[in-house]
């Protein structure tokens, strides 16, 4: 590891980086290089519609219910009220325009005053 920062060019490292770049470019461009059109099955297309919401939930859920590795033990936590406001907005406006963005804005509008103002 020390020779990595010594200022010398390590050709093994450079070859590894170049190989990883080539594999990455090839994997991402594979669908463009093909001569025939690729179509996803209907089940895959339907599943991909839920991918952004699933990823957002996977990132946010642990942050909401846990604090420093332990479950939240008090209702005096601004995150809980922010999530409840975001969920209420989402279910009230479901199917209308940018509902996910609106839910995030609504949740933050509740969370920030409680967190900064009251110190929750």
PDB file of N, CA and C in Angstrom:
ATOM      1  N   UNK A   1       0.828  -1.189   0.000  1.00  0.00           N
ATOM      2  CA  UNK A   1       0.000   0.000   0.000  1.00  0.00           C
ATOM      3  C   UNK A   1       0.871   1.249   0.000  1.00  0.00           C
ATOM      4  N   UNK A   2       2.029   1.184   0.622  1.00  0.00           N
ATOM      5  CA  UNK A   2       2.896   2.352   0.707  1.00  0.00           C
ATOM      6  C   UNK A   2       3.439   2.740  -0.663  1.00  0.00           C
ATOM      7  N   UNK A   3       3.700   1.736  -1.536  1.00  0.00           N
ATOM      8  CA  UNK A   3       4.226   2.068  -2.852  1.00  0.00           C
ATOM      9  C   UNK A   3       3.185   2.722  -3.749  1.00  0.00           C
ATOM     10  N   UNK A   4       1.937   2.648  -3.360  1.00  0.00           N
ATOM     11  CA  UNK A   4       0.871   3.251  -4.147  1.00  0.00           C
ATOM     12  C   UNK A   4       0.974   4.766  -4.153  1.00  0.00           C
ATOM     13  N   UNK A   5       1.497   5.349  -3.114  1.00  0.00           N
ATOM     14  CA  UNK A   5       1.588   6.799  -2.995  1.00  0.00           C
ATOM     15  C   UNK A   5       3.029   7.306  -3.099  1.00  0.00           C
ATOM     16  N   UNK A   6       3.926   6.465  -3.560  1.00  0.00           N
ATOM     17  CA  UNK A   6       5.330   6.854  -3.586  1.00  0.00           C
ATOM     18  C   UNK A   6       5.695   7.728  -4.772  1.00  0.00           C
ATOM     19  N   UNK A   7       4.800   7.933  -5.709  1.00  0.00           N
ATOM     20  CA  UNK A   7       5.095   8.759  -6.866  1.00  0.00           C
ATOM     21  C   UNK A   7       5.507   7.937  -8.069  1.00  0.00           C
ATOM     22  N   UNK A   8       5.817   6.672  -7.893  1.00  0.00           N
ATOM     23  CA  UNK A   8       6.165   5.800  -9.000  1.00  0.00           C
ATOM     24  C   UNK A   8       4.900   5.274  -9.652  1.00  0.00           C
ATOM     25  N   UNK A   9       4.976   5.022 -10.947  1.00  0.00           N
ATOM     26  CA  UNK A   9       3.845   4.449 -11.666  1.00  0.00           C
ATOM     27  C   UNK A   9       3.924   2.937 -11.534  1.00  0.00           C
ATOM     28  N   UNK A  10       2.935   2.360 -10.935  1.00  0.00           N
ATOM     29  CA  UNK A  10       2.857   0.917 -10.802  1.00  0.00           C
ATOM     30  C   UNK A  10       2.012   0.410 -11.966  1.00  0.00           C
ATOM     31  N   UNK A  11       2.638  -0.292 -12.902  1.00  0.00           N
ATOM     32  CA  UNK A  11       1.949  -0.713 -14.116  1.00  0.00           C
ATOM     33  C   UNK A  11       0.884  -1.760 -13.837  1.00  0.00           C
ATOM     34  N   UNK A  12       1.009  -2.515 -12.786  1.00  0.00           N
ATOM     35  CA  UNK A  12      -0.038  -3.477 -12.445  1.00  0.00           C
ATOM     36  C   UNK A  12      -1.313  -2.755 -12.020  1.00  0.00           C
ATOM     37  N   UNK A  13      -1.150  -1.690 -11.240  1.00  0.00           N
ATOM     38  CA  UNK A  13      -2.321  -0.913 -10.835  1.00  0.00           C
ATOM     39  C   UNK A  13      -2.960  -0.242 -12.040  1.00  0.00           C
ATOM     40  N   UNK A  14      -2.136   0.319 -12.925  1.00  0.00           N
ATOM     41  CA  UNK A  14      -2.664   0.997 -14.104  1.00  0.00           C
ATOM     42  C   UNK A  14      -3.378   0.006 -15.028  1.00  0.00           C
ATOM     43  N   UNK A  15      -2.818  -1.198 -15.179  1.00  0.00           N
ATOM     44  CA  UNK A  15      -3.459  -2.214 -16.018  1.00  0.00           C
ATOM     45  C   UNK A  15      -4.785  -2.661 -15.407  1.00  0.00           C
ATOM     46  N   UNK A  16      -4.824  -2.775 -14.096  1.00  0.00           N
ATOM     47  CA  UNK A  16      -6.072  -3.158 -13.420  1.00  0.00           C
ATOM     48  C   UNK A  16      -7.135  -2.086 -13.595  1.00  0.00           C
ATOM     49  N   UNK A  17      -6.760  -0.836 -13.442  1.00  0.00           N
ATOM     50  CA  UNK A  17      -7.712   0.270 -13.619  1.00  0.00           C
ATOM     51  C   UNK A  17      -8.217   0.305 -15.052  1.00  0.00           C
ATOM     52  N   UNK A  18      -7.318   0.134 -16.025  1.00  0.00           N
ATOM     53  CA  UNK A  18      -7.720   0.129 -17.433  1.00  0.00           C
ATOM     54  C   UNK A  18      -8.651  -1.041 -17.737  1.00  0.00           C
ATOM     55  N   UNK A  19      -8.350  -2.211 -17.197  1.00  0.00           N
ATOM     56  CA  UNK A  19      -9.204  -3.377 -17.424  1.00  0.00           C
ATOM     57  C   UNK A  19     -10.586  -3.173 -16.812  1.00  0.00           C
ATOM     58  N   UNK A  20     -10.641  -2.624 -15.609  1.00  0.00           N
ATOM     59  CA  UNK A  20     -11.936  -2.358 -14.978  1.00  0.00           C
ATOM     60  C   UNK A  20     -12.737  -1.327 -15.766  1.00  0.00           C
ATOM     61  N   UNK A  21     -12.059  -0.319 -16.306  1.00  0.00           N
ATOM     62  CA  UNK A  21     -12.740   0.687 -17.126  1.00  0.00           C
ATOM     63  C   UNK A  21     -13.300   0.052 -18.398  1.00  0.00           C
ATOM     64  N   UNK A  22     -12.528  -0.812 -19.028  1.00  0.00           N
ATOM     65  CA  UNK A  22     -13.004  -1.483 -20.248  1.00  0.00           C
ATOM     66  C   UNK A  22     -14.206  -2.379 -19.966  1.00  0.00           C
ATOM     67  N   UNK A  23     -14.151  -3.137 -18.898  1.00  0.00           N
ATOM     68  CA  UNK A  23     -15.271  -4.006 -18.541  1.00  0.00           C
ATOM     69  C   UNK A  23     -16.511  -3.172 -18.240  1.00  0.00           C
ATOM     70  N   UNK A  24     -16.330  -2.071 -17.533  1.00  0.00           N
ATOM     71  CA  UNK A  24     -17.462  -1.209 -17.196  1.00  0.00           C
ATOM     72  C   UNK A  24     -18.091  -0.594 -18.447  1.00  0.00           C
ATOM     73  N   UNK A  25     -17.266  -0.085 -19.346  1.00  0.00           N
ATOM     74  CA  UNK A  25     -17.780   0.512 -20.587  1.00  0.00           C
ATOM     75  C   UNK A  25     -18.462  -0.545 -21.439  1.00  0.00           C
ATOM     76  N   UNK A  26     -17.859  -1.710 -21.565  1.00  0.00           N
ATOM     77  CA  UNK A  26     -18.457  -2.777 -22.359  1.00  0.00           C
ATOM     78  C   UNK A  26     -19.800  -3.223 -21.780  1.00  0.00           C
ATOM     79  N   UNK A  27     -19.886  -3.360 -20.456  1.00  0.00           N
ATOM     80  CA  UNK A  27     -21.137  -3.784 -19.825  1.00  0.00           C
ATOM     81  C   UNK A  27     -22.234  -2.743 -20.007  1.00  0.00           C
ATOM     82  N   UNK A  28     -21.879  -1.475 -19.970  1.00  0.00           N
ATOM     83  CA  UNK A  28     -22.886  -0.424 -20.121  1.00  0.00           C
ATOM     84  C   UNK A  28     -23.278  -0.207 -21.576  1.00  0.00           C
ATOM     85  N   UNK A  29     -22.378  -0.458 -22.503  1.00  0.00           N
ATOM     86  CA  UNK A  29     -22.651  -0.222 -23.923  1.00  0.00           C
ATOM     87  C   UNK A  29     -23.103  -1.476 -24.651  1.00  0.00           C
ATOM     88  N   UNK A  30     -23.186  -2.597 -23.979  1.00  0.00           N
ATOM     89  CA  UNK A  30     -23.528  -3.851 -24.626  1.00  0.00           C
ATOM     90  C   UNK A  30     -24.843  -3.759 -25.391  1.00  0.00           C
ATOM     91  N   UNK A  31     -25.824  -3.081 -24.839  1.00  0.00           N
ATOM     92  CA  UNK A  31     -27.134  -2.997 -25.476  1.00  0.00           C
ATOM     93  C   UNK A  31     -27.101  -2.094 -26.708  1.00  0.00           C
ATOM     94  N   UNK A  32     -26.190  -1.136 -26.744  1.00  0.00           N
ATOM     95  CA  UNK A  32     -26.068  -0.263 -27.910  1.00  0.00           C
ATOM     96  C   UNK A  32     -25.292  -0.929 -29.042  1.00  0.00           C
ATOM     97  N   UNK A  33     -24.414  -1.859 -28.729  1.00  0.00           N
ATOM     98  CA  UNK A  33     -23.591  -2.518 -29.741  1.00  0.00           C
ATOM     99  C   UNK A  33     -24.342  -3.617 -30.481  1.00  0.00           C
ATOM    100  N   UNK A  34     -25.428  -4.079 -29.922  1.00  0.00           N
ATOM    101  CA  UNK A  34     -26.194  -5.156 -30.531  1.00  0.00           C
ATOM    102  C   UNK A  34     -26.921  -4.650 -31.779  1.00  0.00           C
ATOM    103  N   UNK A  35     -27.044  -5.513 -32.778  1.00  0.00           N
ATOM    104  CA  UNK A  35     -27.714  -5.111 -34.016  1.00  0.00           C
ATOM    105  C   UNK A  35     -29.230  -5.274 -33.931  1.00  0.00           C
ATOM    106  N   UNK A  36     -29.703  -6.045 -32.986  1.00  0.00           N
ATOM    107  CA  UNK A  36     -31.158  -6.216 -32.869  1.00  0.00           C
ATOM    108  C   UNK A  36     -31.681  -5.457 -31.643  1.00  0.00           C
ATOM    109  N   UNK A  37     -32.952  -5.151 -31.679  1.00  0.00           N
ATOM    110  CA  UNK A  37     -33.578  -4.385 -30.604  1.00  0.00           C
ATOM    111  C   UNK A  37     -33.840  -5.279 -29.390  1.00  0.00           C
ATOM    112  N   UNK A  38     -33.562  -4.737 -28.213  1.00  0.00           N
ATOM    113  CA  UNK A  38     -33.795  -5.459 -26.971  1.00  0.00           C
ATOM    114  C   UNK A  38     -35.113  -4.981 -26.376  1.00  0.00           C
ATOM    115  N   UNK A  39     -35.925  -5.912 -25.951  1.00  0.00           N
ATOM    116  CA  UNK A  39     -37.171  -5.556 -25.272  1.00  0.00           C
ATOM    117  C   UNK A  39     -37.224  -6.303 -23.948  1.00  0.00           C
ATOM    118  N   UNK A  40     -37.701  -5.622 -22.949  1.00  0.00           N
ATOM    119  CA  UNK A  40     -37.868  -6.247 -21.635  1.00  0.00           C
ATOM    120  C   UNK A  40     -39.217  -6.941 -21.573  1.00  0.00           C
ATOM    121  N   UNK A  41     -39.290  -8.068 -20.893  1.00  0.00           N
ATOM    122  CA  UNK A  41     -40.603  -8.683 -20.680  1.00  0.00           C
ATOM    123  C   UNK A  41     -41.479  -7.767 -19.824  1.00  0.00           C
ATOM    124  N   UNK A  42     -42.767  -7.952 -19.943  1.00  0.00           N
ATOM    125  CA  UNK A  42     -43.704  -7.101 -19.191  1.00  0.00           C
ATOM    126  C   UNK A  42     -43.484  -7.178 -17.691  1.00  0.00           C
ATOM    127  N   UNK A  43     -43.175  -8.370 -17.163  1.00  0.00           N
ATOM    128  CA  UNK A  43     -42.978  -8.503 -15.722  1.00  0.00           C
ATOM    129  C   UNK A  43     -41.758  -7.710 -15.277  1.00  0.00           C
ATOM    130  N   UNK A  44     -40.711  -7.655 -16.097  1.00  0.00           N
ATOM    131  CA  UNK A  44     -39.513  -6.884 -15.736  1.00  0.00           C
ATOM    132  C   UNK A  44     -39.790  -5.388 -15.825  1.00  0.00           C
ATOM    133  N   UNK A  45     -40.541  -4.983 -16.827  1.00  0.00           N
ATOM    134  CA  UNK A  45     -40.891  -3.567 -16.969  1.00  0.00           C
ATOM    135  C   UNK A  45     -41.745  -3.097 -15.790  1.00  0.00           C
ATOM    136  N   UNK A  46     -42.703  -3.930 -15.375  1.00  0.00           N
ATOM    137  CA  UNK A  46     -43.527  -3.578 -14.206  1.00  0.00           C
ATOM    138  C   UNK A  46     -42.684  -3.522 -12.946  1.00  0.00           C
ATOM    139  N   UNK A  47     -41.757  -4.453 -12.798  1.00  0.00           N
ATOM    140  CA  UNK A  47     -40.894  -4.475 -11.620  1.00  0.00           C
ATOM    141  C   UNK A  47     -39.982  -3.262 -11.550  1.00  0.00           C
ATOM    142  N   UNK A  48     -39.484  -2.803 -12.683  1.00  0.00           N
ATOM    143  CA  UNK A  48     -38.597  -1.643 -12.705  1.00  0.00           C
ATOM    144  C   UNK A  48     -39.315  -0.348 -12.346  1.00  0.00           C
ATOM    145  N   UNK A  49     -40.623  -0.324 -12.474  1.00  0.00           N
ATOM    146  CA  UNK A  49     -41.374   0.871 -12.074  1.00  0.00           C
ATOM    147  C   UNK A  49     -41.277   1.099 -10.565  1.00  0.00           C
ATOM    148  N   UNK A  50     -41.089   0.037  -9.805  1.00  0.00           N
ATOM    149  CA  UNK A  50     -41.035   0.139  -8.353  1.00  0.00           C
ATOM    150  C   UNK A  50     -39.611   0.282  -7.816  1.00  0.00           C
ATOM    151  N   UNK A  51     -38.620   0.204  -8.670  1.00  0.00           N
ATOM    152  CA  UNK A  51     -37.222   0.253  -8.229  1.00  0.00           C
ATOM    153  C   UNK A  51     -36.858   1.569  -7.532  1.00  0.00           C
ATOM    154  N   UNK A  52     -37.218   2.743  -8.061  1.00  0.00           N
ATOM    155  CA  UNK A  52     -36.846   3.975  -7.351  1.00  0.00           C
ATOM    156  C   UNK A  52     -37.467   4.072  -5.955  1.00  0.00           C
ATOM    157  N   UNK A  53     -38.721   3.691  -5.822  1.00  0.00           N
ATOM    158  CA  UNK A  53     -39.378   3.758  -4.518  1.00  0.00           C
ATOM    159  C   UNK A  53     -38.773   2.739  -3.555  1.00  0.00           C
ATOM    160  N   UNK A  54     -38.416   1.568  -4.046  1.00  0.00           N
ATOM    161  CA  UNK A  54     -37.795   0.555  -3.193  1.00  0.00           C
ATOM    162  C   UNK A  54     -36.420   1.019  -2.717  1.00  0.00           C
ATOM    163  N   UNK A  55     -35.650   1.629  -3.606  1.00  0.00           N
ATOM    164  CA  UNK A  55     -34.324   2.114  -3.216  1.00  0.00           C
ATOM    165  C   UNK A  55     -34.443   3.247  -2.208  1.00  0.00           C
ATOM    166  N   UNK A  56     -35.373   4.158  -2.428  1.00  0.00           N
ATOM    167  CA  UNK A  56     -35.584   5.261  -1.499  1.00  0.00           C
ATOM    168  C   UNK A  56     -36.012   4.741  -0.133  1.00  0.00           C
ATOM    169  N   UNK A  57     -36.892   3.763  -0.110  1.00  0.00           N
ATOM    170  CA  UNK A  57     -37.332   3.169   1.162  1.00  0.00           C
ATOM    171  C   UNK A  57     -36.195   2.455   1.875  1.00  0.00           C
ATOM    172  N   UNK A  58     -35.360   1.765   1.124  1.00  0.00           N
ATOM    173  CA  UNK A  58     -34.240   1.034   1.737  1.00  0.00           C
ATOM    174  C   UNK A  58     -33.226   1.977   2.368  1.00  0.00           C
ATOM    175  N   UNK A  59     -33.100   3.173   1.829  1.00  0.00           N
ATOM    176  CA  UNK A  59     -32.157   4.139   2.385  1.00  0.00           C
ATOM    177  C   UNK A  59     -32.777   4.872   3.573  1.00  0.00           C
ATOM    178  N   UNK A  60     -34.045   5.217   3.475  1.00  0.00           N
ATOM    179  CA  UNK A  60     -34.686   6.061   4.483  1.00  0.00           C
ATOM    180  C   UNK A  60     -35.159   5.268   5.704  1.00  0.00           C
ATOM    181  N   UNK A  61     -35.703   4.081   5.509  1.00  0.00           N
ATOM    182  CA  UNK A  61     -36.297   3.327   6.623  1.00  0.00           C
ATOM    183  C   UNK A  61     -35.345   3.101   7.800  1.00  0.00           C
ATOM    184  N   UNK A  62     -34.124   2.646   7.591  1.00  0.00           N
ATOM    185  CA  UNK A  62     -33.241   2.474   8.751  1.00  0.00           C
ATOM    186  C   UNK A  62     -32.928   3.787   9.465  1.00  0.00           C
ATOM    187  N   UNK A  63     -32.842   4.868   8.716  1.00  0.00           N
ATOM    188  CA  UNK A  63     -32.552   6.169   9.325  1.00  0.00           C
ATOM    189  C   UNK A  63     -33.720   6.655  10.175  1.00  0.00           C
ATOM    190  N   UNK A  64     -34.924   6.276   9.800  1.00  0.00           N
ATOM    191  CA  UNK A  64     -36.112   6.742  10.523  1.00  0.00           C
ATOM    192  C   UNK A  64     -36.320   5.977  11.821  1.00  0.00           C
ATOM    193  N   UNK A  65     -36.123   4.672  11.801  1.00  0.00           N
ATOM    194  CA  UNK A  65     -36.458   3.871  12.983  1.00  0.00           C
ATOM    195  C   UNK A  65     -35.272   3.606  13.905  1.00  0.00           C
ATOM    196  N   UNK A  66     -34.057   3.982  13.490  1.00  0.00           N
ATOM    197  CA  UNK A  66     -32.890   3.714  14.317  1.00  0.00           C
ATOM    198  C   UNK A  66     -32.084   4.982  14.544  1.00  0.00           C
ATOM    199  N   UNK A  67     -31.437   5.028  15.680  1.00  0.00           N
ATOM    200  CA  UNK A  67     -30.548   6.133  15.996  1.00  0.00           C
ATOM    201  C   UNK A  67     -29.287   5.551  16.632  1.00  0.00           C
ATOM    202  N   UNK A  68     -28.159   5.708  15.973  1.00  0.00           N
ATOM    203  CA  UNK A  68     -26.866   5.216  16.441  1.00  0.00           C
ATOM    204  C   UNK A  68     -26.904   3.715  16.726  1.00  0.00           C
ATOM    205  N   UNK A  69     -27.573   2.969  15.847  1.00  0.00           N
ATOM    206  CA  UNK A  69     -27.604   1.519  15.962  1.00  0.00           C
ATOM    207  C   UNK A  69     -28.665   0.955  16.873  1.00  0.00           C
ATOM    208  N   UNK A  70     -29.479   1.794  17.491  1.00  0.00           N
ATOM    209  CA  UNK A  70     -30.531   1.333  18.390  1.00  0.00           C
ATOM    210  C   UNK A  70     -31.872   1.860  17.911  1.00  0.00           C
ATOM    211  N   UNK A  71     -32.928   1.099  18.193  1.00  0.00           N
ATOM    212  CA  UNK A  71     -34.266   1.553  17.829  1.00  0.00           C
ATOM    213  C   UNK A  71     -34.622   2.814  18.603  1.00  0.00           C
ATOM    214  N   UNK A  72     -35.407   3.668  17.983  1.00  0.00           N
ATOM    215  CA  UNK A  72     -35.844   4.905  18.635  1.00  0.00           C
ATOM    216  C   UNK A  72     -36.765   4.535  19.793  1.00  0.00           C
ATOM    217  N   UNK A  73     -36.508   5.091  20.965  1.00  0.00           N
ATOM    218  CA  UNK A  73     -37.278   4.746  22.151  1.00  0.00           C
ATOM    219  C   UNK A  73     -38.212   5.846  22.616  1.00  0.00           C
ATOM    220  N   UNK A  74     -38.307   6.942  21.870  1.00  0.00           N
ATOM    221  CA  UNK A  74     -39.114   8.075  22.301  1.00  0.00           C
ATOM    222  C   UNK A  74     -39.939   8.601  21.131  1.00  0.00           C
ATOM    223  N   UNK A  75     -41.111   9.110  21.445  1.00  0.00           N
ATOM    224  CA  UNK A  75     -41.933   9.740  20.407  1.00  0.00           C
ATOM    225  C   UNK A  75     -41.507  11.183  20.159  1.00  0.00           C
ATOM    226  N   UNK A  76     -40.546  11.651  20.912  1.00  0.00           N
ATOM    227  CA  UNK A  76     -40.066  13.020  20.759  1.00  0.00           C
ATOM    228  C   UNK A  76     -38.888  13.027  19.771  1.00  0.00           C
ATOM    229  N   UNK A  77     -39.171  12.527  18.575  1.00  0.00           N
ATOM    230  CA  UNK A  77     -38.177  12.473  17.512  1.00  0.00           C
ATOM    231  C   UNK A  77     -38.795  13.070  16.257  1.00  0.00           C
ATOM    232  N   UNK A  78     -38.156  14.080  15.711  1.00  0.00           N
ATOM    233  CA  UNK A  78     -38.700  14.815  14.569  1.00  0.00           C
ATOM    234  C   UNK A  78     -38.833  13.937  13.335  1.00  0.00           C
ATOM    235  N   UNK A  79     -38.008  12.914  13.221  1.00  0.00           N
ATOM    236  CA  UNK A  79     -38.064  12.049  12.045  1.00  0.00           C
ATOM    237  C   UNK A  79     -39.403  11.336  11.931  1.00  0.00           C
ATOM    238  N   UNK A  80     -39.948  10.903  13.055  1.00  0.00           N
ATOM    239  CA  UNK A  80     -41.224  10.196  13.029  1.00  0.00           C
ATOM    240  C   UNK A  80     -42.344  11.086  12.486  1.00  0.00           C
ATOM    241  N   UNK A  81     -42.396  12.332  12.916  1.00  0.00           N
ATOM    242  CA  UNK A  81     -43.443  13.246  12.476  1.00  0.00           C
ATOM    243  C   UNK A  81     -43.235  13.665  11.022  1.00  0.00           C
ATOM    244  N   UNK A  82     -41.991  13.784  10.602  1.00  0.00           N
ATOM    245  CA  UNK A  82     -41.707  14.080   9.206  1.00  0.00           C
ATOM    246  C   UNK A  82     -42.154  12.955   8.288  1.00  0.00           C
ATOM    247  N   UNK A  83     -41.915  11.723   8.702  1.00  0.00           N
ATOM    248  CA  UNK A  83     -42.341  10.568   7.910  1.00  0.00           C
ATOM    249  C   UNK A  83     -43.854  10.478   7.865  1.00  0.00           C
ATOM    250  N   UNK A  84     -44.515  10.727   8.984  1.00  0.00           N
ATOM    251  CA  UNK A  84     -45.976  10.677   9.003  1.00  0.00           C
ATOM    252  C   UNK A  84     -46.566  11.742   8.079  1.00  0.00           C
ATOM    253  N   UNK A  85     -45.993  12.938   8.069  1.00  0.00           N
ATOM    254  CA  UNK A  85     -46.479  13.997   7.183  1.00  0.00           C
ATOM    255  C   UNK A  85     -46.239  13.622   5.718  1.00  0.00           C
ATOM    256  N   UNK A  86     -45.080  13.059   5.421  1.00  0.00           N
ATOM    257  CA  UNK A  86     -44.774  12.651   4.045  1.00  0.00           C
ATOM    258  C   UNK A  86     -45.717  11.536   3.589  1.00  0.00           C
ATOM    259  N   UNK A  87     -45.994  10.592   4.476  1.00  0.00           N
ATOM    260  CA  UNK A  87     -46.903   9.501   4.115  1.00  0.00           C
ATOM    261  C   UNK A  87     -48.322  10.021   3.898  1.00  0.00           C
ATOM    262  N   UNK A  88     -48.760  10.936   4.748  1.00  0.00           N
ATOM    263  CA  UNK A  88     -50.103  11.506   4.577  1.00  0.00           C
ATOM    264  C   UNK A  88     -50.204  12.233   3.245  1.00  0.00           C
ATOM    265  N   UNK A  89     -49.182  13.017   2.895  1.00  0.00           N
ATOM    266  CA  UNK A  89     -49.177  13.713   1.611  1.00  0.00           C
ATOM    267  C   UNK A  89     -49.188  12.720   0.462  1.00  0.00           C
ATOM    268  N   UNK A  90     -48.359  11.684   0.560  1.00  0.00           N
ATOM    269  CA  UNK A  90     -48.262  10.705  -0.517  1.00  0.00           C
ATOM    270  C   UNK A  90     -49.596  10.009  -0.755  1.00  0.00           C
ATOM    271  N   UNK A  91     -50.240   9.544   0.304  1.00  0.00           N
ATOM    272  CA  UNK A  91     -51.493   8.816   0.129  1.00  0.00           C
ATOM    273  C   UNK A  91     -52.646   9.732  -0.254  1.00  0.00           C
ATOM    274  N   UNK A  92     -52.592  10.992   0.143  1.00  0.00           N
ATOM    275  CA  UNK A  92     -53.648  11.932  -0.252  1.00  0.00           C
ATOM    276  C   UNK A  92     -53.528  12.335  -1.722  1.00  0.00           C
ATOM    277  N   UNK A  93     -52.310  12.407  -2.241  1.00  0.00           N
ATOM    278  CA  UNK A  93     -52.087  12.899  -3.603  1.00  0.00           C
ATOM    279  C   UNK A  93     -51.593  11.816  -4.556  1.00  0.00           C
ATOM    280  N   UNK A  94     -51.742  10.568  -4.201  1.00  0.00           N
ATOM    281  CA  UNK A  94     -51.235   9.468  -5.028  1.00  0.00           C
ATOM    282  C   UNK A  94     -51.812   9.541  -6.434  1.00  0.00           C
ATOM    283  N   UNK A  95     -50.938   9.403  -7.426  1.00  0.00           N
ATOM    284  CA  UNK A  95     -51.368   9.420  -8.817  1.00  0.00           C
ATOM    285  C   UNK A  95     -51.451  10.804  -9.425  1.00  0.00           C
ATOM    286  N   UNK A  96     -51.082  11.844  -8.687  1.00  0.00           N
ATOM    287  CA  UNK A  96     -51.178  13.210  -9.190  1.00  0.00           C
ATOM    288  C   UNK A  96     -49.779  13.807  -9.278  1.00  0.00           C
ATOM    289  N   UNK A  97     -49.238  13.921 -10.477  1.00  0.00           N
ATOM    290  CA  UNK A  97     -47.983  14.632 -10.703  1.00  0.00           C
ATOM    291  C   UNK A  97     -46.792  14.086  -9.939  1.00  0.00           C
ATOM    292  N   UNK A  98     -45.975  14.983  -9.428  1.00  0.00           N
ATOM    293  CA  UNK A  98     -44.724  14.642  -8.748  1.00  0.00           C
ATOM    294  C   UNK A  98     -44.985  14.374  -7.270  1.00  0.00           C
ATOM    295  N   UNK A  99     -45.671  13.287  -6.981  1.00  0.00           N
ATOM    296  CA  UNK A  99     -46.091  13.016  -5.611  1.00  0.00           C
ATOM    297  C   UNK A  99     -44.907  12.651  -4.711  1.00  0.00           C
ATOM    298  N   UNK A 100     -43.893  11.986  -5.241  1.00  0.00           N
ATOM    299  CA  UNK A 100     -42.751  11.614  -4.408  1.00  0.00           C
ATOM    300  C   UNK A 100     -41.976  12.861  -3.996  1.00  0.00           C
ATOM    301  N   UNK A 101     -41.734  13.749  -4.938  1.00  0.00           N
ATOM    302  CA  UNK A 101     -41.052  15.004  -4.622  1.00  0.00           C
ATOM    303  C   UNK A 101     -41.869  15.814  -3.612  1.00  0.00           C
ATOM    304  N   UNK A 102     -43.171  15.881  -3.799  1.00  0.00           N
ATOM    305  CA  UNK A 102     -44.029  16.598  -2.860  1.00  0.00           C
ATOM    306  C   UNK A 102     -44.000  15.992  -1.470  1.00  0.00           C
ATOM    307  N   UNK A 103     -43.956  14.654  -1.396  1.00  0.00           N
ATOM    308  CA  UNK A 103     -43.887  13.989  -0.094  1.00  0.00           C
ATOM    309  C   UNK A 103     -42.574  14.306   0.608  1.00  0.00           C
ATOM    310  N   UNK A 104     -41.477  14.339  -0.142  1.00  0.00           N
ATOM    311  CA  UNK A 104     -40.186  14.681   0.454  1.00  0.00           C
ATOM    312  C   UNK A 104     -40.195  16.110   0.976  1.00  0.00           C
ATOM    313  N   UNK A 105     -40.719  17.032   0.180  1.00  0.00           N
ATOM    314  CA  UNK A 105     -40.777  18.442   0.598  1.00  0.00           C
ATOM    315  C   UNK A 105     -41.677  18.597   1.822  1.00  0.00           C
ATOM    316  N   UNK A 106     -42.824  17.940   1.811  1.00  0.00           N
ATOM    317  CA  UNK A 106     -43.755  18.022   2.943  1.00  0.00           C
ATOM    318  C   UNK A 106     -43.124  17.439   4.215  1.00  0.00           C
ATOM    319  N   UNK A 107     -42.472  16.292   4.096  1.00  0.00           N
ATOM    320  CA  UNK A 107     -41.822  15.687   5.255  1.00  0.00           C
ATOM    321  C   UNK A 107     -40.724  16.570   5.816  1.00  0.00           C
ATOM    322  N   UNK A 108     -39.937  17.183   4.933  1.00  0.00           N
ATOM    323  CA  UNK A 108     -38.864  18.067   5.400  1.00  0.00           C
ATOM    324  C   UNK A 108     -39.422  19.344   6.012  1.00  0.00           C
ATOM    325  N   UNK A 109     -40.570  19.810   5.504  1.00  0.00           N
ATOM    326  CA  UNK A 109     -41.202  21.009   6.064  1.00  0.00           C
ATOM    327  C   UNK A 109     -41.668  20.770   7.497  1.00  0.00           C
ATOM    328  N   UNK A 110     -41.985  19.540   7.832  1.00  0.00           N
ATOM    329  CA  UNK A 110     -42.357  19.204   9.212  1.00  0.00           C
ATOM    330  C   UNK A 110     -41.109  18.887  10.036  1.00  0.00           C
ATOM    331  N   UNK A 111     -40.180  18.160   9.454  1.00  0.00           N
ATOM    332  CA  UNK A 111     -38.987  17.707  10.169  1.00  0.00           C
ATOM    333  C   UNK A 111     -38.080  18.862  10.603  1.00  0.00           C
ATOM    334  N   UNK A 112     -37.761  19.767   9.690  1.00  0.00           N
ATOM    335  CA  UNK A 112     -36.779  20.814   9.993  1.00  0.00           C
ATOM    336  C   UNK A 112     -37.167  21.729  11.148  1.00  0.00           C
ATOM    337  N   UNK A 113     -38.403  22.247  11.208  1.00  0.00           N
ATOM    338  CA  UNK A 113     -38.742  23.084  12.370  1.00  0.00           C
ATOM    339  C   UNK A 113     -38.680  22.317  13.697  1.00  0.00           C
ATOM    340  N   UNK A 114     -39.088  21.054  13.674  1.00  0.00           N
ATOM    341  CA  UNK A 114     -39.026  20.267  14.911  1.00  0.00           C
ATOM    342  C   UNK A 114     -37.578  19.970  15.307  1.00  0.00           C
ATOM    343  N   UNK A 115     -36.756  19.655  14.321  1.00  0.00           N
ATOM    344  CA  UNK A 115     -35.368  19.292  14.617  1.00  0.00           C
ATOM    345  C   UNK A 115     -34.535  20.500  14.990  1.00  0.00           C
ATOM    346  N   UNK A 116     -34.646  21.561  14.218  1.00  0.00           N
ATOM    347  CA  UNK A 116     -33.823  22.752  14.471  1.00  0.00           C
ATOM    348  C   UNK A 116     -34.434  23.628  15.551  1.00  0.00           C
ATOM    349  N   UNK A 117     -35.749  23.847  15.476  1.00  0.00           N
ATOM    350  CA  UNK A 117     -36.406  24.735  16.422  1.00  0.00           C
ATOM    351  C   UNK A 117     -36.520  24.155  17.816  1.00  0.00           C
ATOM    352  N   UNK A 118     -36.984  22.917  17.910  1.00  0.00           N
ATOM    353  CA  UNK A 118     -37.197  22.299  19.222  1.00  0.00           C
ATOM    354  C   UNK A 118     -36.031  21.420  19.669  1.00  0.00           C
ATOM    355  N   UNK A 119     -35.119  21.121  18.757  1.00  0.00           N
ATOM    356  CA  UNK A 119     -33.970  20.297  19.097  1.00  0.00           C
ATOM    357  C   UNK A 119     -34.276  18.826  19.241  1.00  0.00           C
ATOM    358  N   UNK A 120     -35.346  18.376  18.640  1.00  0.00           N
ATOM    359  CA  UNK A 120     -35.710  16.957  18.715  1.00  0.00           C
ATOM    360  C   UNK A 120     -34.760  16.147  17.892  1.00  0.00           C
TER     361      UNK A 120
END
